[in-house]
Amino acid sequence: MSLPWLAAIQNTTSAALTMLSPVRVAVGCALVGKPNLERAAYLQAWPLGAVPLAVLATAAALLLVWH
């Protein structure tokens, strides 16, 4: 795996995780008029952050093993 690919995976992961920041979720729920929806939003949206994070961790581990 090349370093540019690892950088691309890191960029994708950070974009996915920033979507799940508490402030963004709270603002999104407030914009749709349902401020009590935050917990349900997190329950449904956790794979959006977990999957890219798992891919990044795996790629970083492989890069460490190969180099």
PDB file of N, CA and C in Angstrom:
ATOM      1  N   MET A   1       0.853  -1.173   0.000  1.00  0.00           N
ATOM      2  CA  MET A   1       0.000   0.000   0.000  1.00  0.00           C
ATOM      3  C   MET A   1       0.898   1.236   0.000  1.00  0.00           C
ATOM      4  N   SER A   2       0.578   2.161  -0.857  1.00  0.00           N
ATOM      5  CA  SER A   2       1.392   3.369  -0.959  1.00  0.00           C
ATOM      6  C   SER A   2       0.912   4.434   0.028  1.00  0.00           C
ATOM      7  N   LEU A   3       1.793   5.361   0.321  1.00  0.00           N
ATOM      8  CA  LEU A   3       1.432   6.437   1.237  1.00  0.00           C
ATOM      9  C   LEU A   3       0.302   7.324   0.706  1.00  0.00           C
ATOM     10  N   PRO A   4       0.230   7.603  -0.611  1.00  0.00           N
ATOM     11  CA  PRO A   4      -0.921   8.379  -1.093  1.00  0.00           C
ATOM     12  C   PRO A   4      -2.261   7.677  -0.842  1.00  0.00           C
ATOM     13  N   TRP A   5      -2.288   6.356  -0.953  1.00  0.00           N
ATOM     14  CA  TRP A   5      -3.528   5.635  -0.661  1.00  0.00           C
ATOM     15  C   TRP A   5      -3.882   5.734   0.818  1.00  0.00           C
ATOM     16  N   LEU A   6      -2.883   5.626   1.671  1.00  0.00           N
ATOM     17  CA  LEU A   6      -3.128   5.756   3.104  1.00  0.00           C
ATOM     18  C   LEU A   6      -3.639   7.158   3.435  1.00  0.00           C
ATOM     19  N   ALA A   7      -3.080   8.162   2.788  1.00  0.00           N
ATOM     20  CA  ALA A   7      -3.551   9.536   2.992  1.00  0.00           C
ATOM     21  C   ALA A   7      -4.993   9.695   2.517  1.00  0.00           C
ATOM     22  N   ALA A   8      -5.330   9.066   1.412  1.00  0.00           N
ATOM     23  CA  ALA A   8      -6.703   9.138   0.911  1.00  0.00           C
ATOM     24  C   ALA A   8      -7.678   8.457   1.866  1.00  0.00           C
ATOM     25  N   ILE A   9      -7.279   7.324   2.412  1.00  0.00           N
ATOM     26  CA  ILE A   9      -8.136   6.626   3.375  1.00  0.00           C
ATOM     27  C   ILE A   9      -8.296   7.475   4.638  1.00  0.00           C
ATOM     28  N   GLN A  10      -7.210   8.107   5.084  1.00  0.00           N
ATOM     29  CA  GLN A  10      -7.278   8.957   6.269  1.00  0.00           C
ATOM     30  C   GLN A  10      -8.204  10.139   6.022  1.00  0.00           C
ATOM     31  N   ASN A  11      -8.142  10.729   4.842  1.00  0.00           N
ATOM     32  CA  ASN A  11      -9.002  11.859   4.513  1.00  0.00           C
ATOM     33  C   ASN A  11     -10.472  11.441   4.486  1.00  0.00           C
ATOM     34  N   THR A  12     -10.759  10.294   3.927  1.00  0.00           N
ATOM     35  CA  THR A  12     -12.124   9.783   3.892  1.00  0.00           C
ATOM     36  C   THR A  12     -12.634   9.486   5.295  1.00  0.00           C
ATOM     37  N   THR A  13     -11.778   8.898   6.114  1.00  0.00           N
ATOM     38  CA  THR A  13     -12.171   8.586   7.489  1.00  0.00           C
ATOM     39  C   THR A  13     -12.458   9.851   8.277  1.00  0.00           C
ATOM     40  N   SER A  14     -11.611  10.848   8.140  1.00  0.00           N
ATOM     41  CA  SER A  14     -11.846  12.083   8.885  1.00  0.00           C
ATOM     42  C   SER A  14     -13.113  12.781   8.427  1.00  0.00           C
ATOM     43  N   ALA A  15     -13.408  12.737   7.133  1.00  0.00           N
ATOM     44  CA  ALA A  15     -14.660  13.322   6.647  1.00  0.00           C
ATOM     45  C   ALA A  15     -15.868  12.574   7.202  1.00  0.00           C
ATOM     46  N   ALA A  16     -15.763  11.257   7.275  1.00  0.00           N
ATOM     47  CA  ALA A  16     -16.870  10.465   7.816  1.00  0.00           C
ATOM     48  C   ALA A  16     -17.066  10.734   9.298  1.00  0.00           C
ATOM     49  N   LEU A  17     -15.969  10.856  10.037  1.00  0.00           N
ATOM     50  CA  LEU A  17     -16.085  11.074  11.475  1.00  0.00           C
ATOM     51  C   LEU A  17     -16.535  12.493  11.811  1.00  0.00           C
ATOM     52  N   THR A  18     -16.188  13.470  10.973  1.00  0.00           N
ATOM     53  CA  THR A  18     -16.641  14.834  11.250  1.00  0.00           C
ATOM     54  C   THR A  18     -18.160  14.953  11.081  1.00  0.00           C
ATOM     55  N   MET A  19     -18.740  14.104  10.224  1.00  0.00           N
ATOM     56  CA  MET A  19     -20.206  14.099  10.098  1.00  0.00           C
ATOM     57  C   MET A  19     -20.870  13.684  11.394  1.00  0.00           C
ATOM     58  N   LEU A  20     -20.164  12.885  12.192  1.00  0.00           N
ATOM     59  CA  LEU A  20     -20.735  12.355  13.424  1.00  0.00           C
ATOM     60  C   LEU A  20     -20.353  13.170  14.657  1.00  0.00           C
ATOM     61  N   SER A  21     -19.781  14.348  14.457  1.00  0.00           N
ATOM     62  CA  SER A  21     -19.427  15.153  15.628  1.00  0.00           C
ATOM     63  C   SER A  21     -20.710  15.587  16.334  1.00  0.00           C
ATOM     64  N   PRO A  22     -20.680  15.658  17.657  1.00  0.00           N
ATOM     65  CA  PRO A  22     -21.896  15.994  18.408  1.00  0.00           C
ATOM     66  C   PRO A  22     -22.535  17.315  17.992  1.00  0.00           C
ATOM     67  N   VAL A  23     -21.708  18.312  17.699  1.00  0.00           N
ATOM     68  CA  VAL A  23     -22.273  19.608  17.311  1.00  0.00           C
ATOM     69  C   VAL A  23     -23.002  19.502  15.974  1.00  0.00           C
ATOM     70  N   ARG A  24     -22.428  18.809  15.021  1.00  0.00           N
ATOM     71  CA  ARG A  24     -23.083  18.678  13.707  1.00  0.00           C
ATOM     72  C   ARG A  24     -24.390  17.888  13.807  1.00  0.00           C
ATOM     73  N   VAL A  25     -24.375  16.826  14.594  1.00  0.00           N
ATOM     74  CA  VAL A  25     -25.600  16.044  14.760  1.00  0.00           C
ATOM     75  C   VAL A  25     -26.665  16.885  15.455  1.00  0.00           C
ATOM     76  N   ALA A  26     -26.270  17.634  16.485  1.00  0.00           N
ATOM     77  CA  ALA A  26     -27.230  18.484  17.193  1.00  0.00           C
ATOM     78  C   ALA A  26     -27.807  19.557  16.283  1.00  0.00           C
ATOM     79  N   VAL A  27     -26.968  20.174  15.481  1.00  0.00           N
ATOM     80  CA  VAL A  27     -27.449  21.201  14.551  1.00  0.00           C
ATOM     81  C   VAL A  27     -28.363  20.582  13.498  1.00  0.00           C
ATOM     82  N   GLY A  28     -27.999  19.440  12.983  1.00  0.00           N
ATOM     83  CA  GLY A  28     -28.846  18.770  12.000  1.00  0.00           C
ATOM     84  C   GLY A  28     -30.214  18.416  12.557  1.00  0.00           C
ATOM     85  N   CYS A  29     -30.226  17.899  13.770  1.00  0.00           N
ATOM     86  CA  CYS A  29     -31.507  17.560  14.409  1.00  0.00           C
ATOM     87  C   CYS A  29     -32.323  18.816  14.687  1.00  0.00           C
ATOM     88  N   ALA A  30     -31.653  19.893  15.106  1.00  0.00           N
ATOM     89  CA  ALA A  30     -32.367  21.148  15.358  1.00  0.00           C
ATOM     90  C   ALA A  30     -32.931  21.729  14.066  1.00  0.00           C
ATOM     91  N   LEU A  31     -32.201  21.584  12.974  1.00  0.00           N
ATOM     92  CA  LEU A  31     -32.676  22.124  11.698  1.00  0.00           C
ATOM     93  C   LEU A  31     -33.941  21.425  11.202  1.00  0.00           C
ATOM     94  N   VAL A  32     -34.075  20.158  11.508  1.00  0.00           N
ATOM     95  CA  VAL A  32     -35.290  19.454  11.096  1.00  0.00           C
ATOM     96  C   VAL A  32     -36.375  19.536  12.159  1.00  0.00           C
ATOM     97  N   GLY A  33     -36.100  20.269  13.249  1.00  0.00           N
ATOM     98  CA  GLY A  33     -37.103  20.485  14.272  1.00  0.00           C
ATOM     99  C   GLY A  33     -37.288  19.330  15.244  1.00  0.00           C
ATOM    100  N   LYS A  34     -36.300  18.456  15.353  1.00  0.00           N
ATOM    101  CA  LYS A  34     -36.382  17.304  16.257  1.00  0.00           C
ATOM    102  C   LYS A  34     -35.113  17.217  17.103  1.00  0.00           C
ATOM    103  N   PRO A  35     -34.956  18.110  18.090  1.00  0.00           N
ATOM    104  CA  PRO A  35     -33.725  18.088  18.878  1.00  0.00           C
ATOM    105  C   PRO A  35     -33.558  16.824  19.726  1.00  0.00           C
ATOM    106  N   ASN A  36     -34.633  16.101  19.969  1.00  0.00           N
ATOM    107  CA  ASN A  36     -34.526  14.864  20.761  1.00  0.00           C
ATOM    108  C   ASN A  36     -34.195  13.655  19.887  1.00  0.00           C
ATOM    109  N   LEU A  37     -33.856  13.857  18.653  1.00  0.00           N
ATOM    110  CA  LEU A  37     -33.578  12.784  17.709  1.00  0.00           C
ATOM    111  C   LEU A  37     -32.097  12.378  17.695  1.00  0.00           C
ATOM    112  N   GLU A  38     -31.265  13.045  18.473  1.00  0.00           N
ATOM    113  CA  GLU A  38     -29.817  12.810  18.409  1.00  0.00           C
ATOM    114  C   GLU A  38     -29.433  11.362  18.710  1.00  0.00           C
ATOM    115  N   ARG A  39     -30.000  10.799  19.756  1.00  0.00           N
ATOM    116  CA  ARG A  39     -29.652   9.414  20.118  1.00  0.00           C
ATOM    117  C   ARG A  39     -30.020   8.448  18.986  1.00  0.00           C
ATOM    118  N   ALA A  40     -31.197   8.618  18.415  1.00  0.00           N
ATOM    119  CA  ALA A  40     -31.621   7.747  17.307  1.00  0.00           C
ATOM    120  C   ALA A  40     -30.724   7.950  16.087  1.00  0.00           C
ATOM    121  N   ALA A  41     -30.296   9.175  15.865  1.00  0.00           N
ATOM    122  CA  ALA A  41     -29.406   9.447  14.726  1.00  0.00           C
ATOM    123  C   ALA A  41     -28.074   8.720  14.909  1.00  0.00           C
ATOM    124  N   TYR A  42     -27.527   8.776  16.111  1.00  0.00           N
ATOM    125  CA  TYR A  42     -26.267   8.070  16.365  1.00  0.00           C
ATOM    126  C   TYR A  42     -26.430   6.555  16.257  1.00  0.00           C
ATOM    127  N   LEU A  43     -27.536   6.037  16.715  1.00  0.00           N
ATOM    128  CA  LEU A  43     -27.762   4.588  16.626  1.00  0.00           C
ATOM    129  C   LEU A  43     -27.811   4.117  15.179  1.00  0.00           C
ATOM    130  N   GLN A  44     -28.335   4.948  14.306  1.00  0.00           N
ATOM    131  CA  GLN A  44     -28.427   4.579  12.893  1.00  0.00           C
ATOM    132  C   GLN A  44     -27.164   4.909  12.108  1.00  0.00           C
ATOM    133  N   ALA A  45     -26.403   5.905  12.561  1.00  0.00           N
ATOM    134  CA  ALA A  45     -25.301   6.419  11.745  1.00  0.00           C
ATOM    135  C   ALA A  45     -23.924   5.904  12.145  1.00  0.00           C
ATOM    136  N   TRP A  46     -23.802   5.129  13.208  1.00  0.00           N
ATOM    137  CA  TRP A  46     -22.474   4.716  13.649  1.00  0.00           C
ATOM    138  C   TRP A  46     -21.668   3.965  12.594  1.00  0.00           C
ATOM    139  N   PRO A  47     -22.293   3.177  11.690  1.00  0.00           N
ATOM    140  CA  PRO A  47     -21.461   2.518  10.666  1.00  0.00           C
ATOM    141  C   PRO A  47     -20.769   3.502   9.721  1.00  0.00           C
ATOM    142  N   LEU A  48     -21.338   4.715   9.573  1.00  0.00           N
ATOM    143  CA  LEU A  48     -20.701   5.709   8.702  1.00  0.00           C
ATOM    144  C   LEU A  48     -19.319   6.104   9.207  1.00  0.00           C
ATOM    145  N   GLY A  49     -19.099   5.986  10.499  1.00  0.00           N
ATOM    146  CA  GLY A  49     -17.786   6.274  11.045  1.00  0.00           C
ATOM    147  C   GLY A  49     -16.972   5.036  11.338  1.00  0.00           C
ATOM    148  N   ALA A  50     -17.632   3.970  11.747  1.00  0.00           N
ATOM    149  CA  ALA A  50     -16.919   2.759  12.153  1.00  0.00           C
ATOM    150  C   ALA A  50     -16.258   2.041  10.974  1.00  0.00           C
ATOM    151  N   VAL A  51     -16.935   1.965   9.867  1.00  0.00           N
ATOM    152  CA  VAL A  51     -16.383   1.238   8.709  1.00  0.00           C
ATOM    153  C   VAL A  51     -15.123   1.926   8.167  1.00  0.00           C
ATOM    154  N   PRO A  52     -15.170   3.244   7.891  1.00  0.00           N
ATOM    155  CA  PRO A  52     -13.925   3.872   7.421  1.00  0.00           C
ATOM    156  C   PRO A  52     -12.799   3.818   8.452  1.00  0.00           C
ATOM    157  N   LEU A  53     -13.145   3.903   9.737  1.00  0.00           N
ATOM    158  CA  LEU A  53     -12.128   3.818  10.773  1.00  0.00           C
ATOM    159  C   LEU A  53     -11.487   2.431  10.796  1.00  0.00           C
ATOM    160  N   ALA A  54     -12.267   1.400  10.609  1.00  0.00           N
ATOM    161  CA  ALA A  54     -11.728   0.039  10.557  1.00  0.00           C
ATOM    162  C   ALA A  54     -10.828  -0.143   9.334  1.00  0.00           C
ATOM    163  N   VAL A  55     -11.230   0.413   8.207  1.00  0.00           N
ATOM    164  CA  VAL A  55     -10.404   0.324   6.993  1.00  0.00           C
ATOM    165  C   VAL A  55      -9.086   1.056   7.209  1.00  0.00           C
ATOM    166  N   LEU A  56      -9.140   2.247   7.828  1.00  0.00           N
ATOM    167  CA  LEU A  56      -7.919   3.010   8.093  1.00  0.00           C
ATOM    168  C   LEU A  56      -6.999   2.257   9.041  1.00  0.00           C
ATOM    169  N   ALA A  57      -7.538   1.697  10.098  1.00  0.00           N
ATOM    170  CA  ALA A  57      -6.716   0.953  11.057  1.00  0.00           C
ATOM    171  C   ALA A  57      -6.068  -0.260  10.399  1.00  0.00           C
ATOM    172  N   THR A  58      -6.823  -0.960   9.573  1.00  0.00           N
ATOM    173  CA  THR A  58      -6.278  -2.127   8.869  1.00  0.00           C
ATOM    174  C   THR A  58      -5.181  -1.709   7.896  1.00  0.00           C
ATOM    175  N   ALA A  59      -5.415  -0.642   7.147  1.00  0.00           N
ATOM    176  CA  ALA A  59      -4.421  -0.178   6.185  1.00  0.00           C
ATOM    177  C   ALA A  59      -3.147   0.274   6.901  1.00  0.00           C
ATOM    178  N   ALA A  60      -3.290   0.977   8.015  1.00  0.00           N
ATOM    179  CA  ALA A  60      -2.116   1.425   8.759  1.00  0.00           C
ATOM    180  C   ALA A  60      -1.356   0.235   9.324  1.00  0.00           C
ATOM    181  N   ALA A  61      -2.077  -0.761   9.825  1.00  0.00           N
ATOM    182  CA  ALA A  61      -1.402  -1.959  10.347  1.00  0.00           C
ATOM    183  C   ALA A  61      -0.657  -2.690   9.238  1.00  0.00           C
ATOM    184  N   LEU A  62      -1.266  -2.817   8.089  1.00  0.00           N
ATOM    185  CA  LEU A  62      -0.592  -3.472   6.967  1.00  0.00           C
ATOM    186  C   LEU A  62       0.640  -2.687   6.526  1.00  0.00           C
ATOM    187  N   LEU A  63       0.529  -1.378   6.530  1.00  0.00           N
ATOM    188  CA  LEU A  63       1.668  -0.549   6.135  1.00  0.00           C
ATOM    189  C   LEU A  63       2.808  -0.714   7.126  1.00  0.00           C
ATOM    190  N   LEU A  64       2.499  -0.801   8.402  1.00  0.00           N
ATOM    191  CA  LEU A  64       3.540  -1.008   9.405  1.00  0.00           C
ATOM    192  C   LEU A  64       4.203  -2.387   9.277  1.00  0.00           C
ATOM    193  N   VAL A  65       3.426  -3.391   8.963  1.00  0.00           N
ATOM    194  CA  VAL A  65       3.958  -4.746   8.837  1.00  0.00           C
ATOM    195  C   VAL A  65       4.846  -4.858   7.600  1.00  0.00           C
ATOM    196  N   TRP A  66       4.448  -4.246   6.504  1.00  0.00           N
ATOM    197  CA  TRP A  66       5.191  -4.387   5.254  1.00  0.00           C
ATOM    198  C   TRP A  66       6.430  -3.525   5.201  1.00  0.00           C
ATOM    199  N   HIS A  67       6.496  -2.503   6.017  1.00  0.00           N
ATOM    200  CA  HIS A  67       7.674  -1.609   5.946  1.00  0.00           C
ATOM    201  C   HIS A  67       8.419  -1.750   7.188  1.00  0.00           C
TER     202      HIS A  67
END
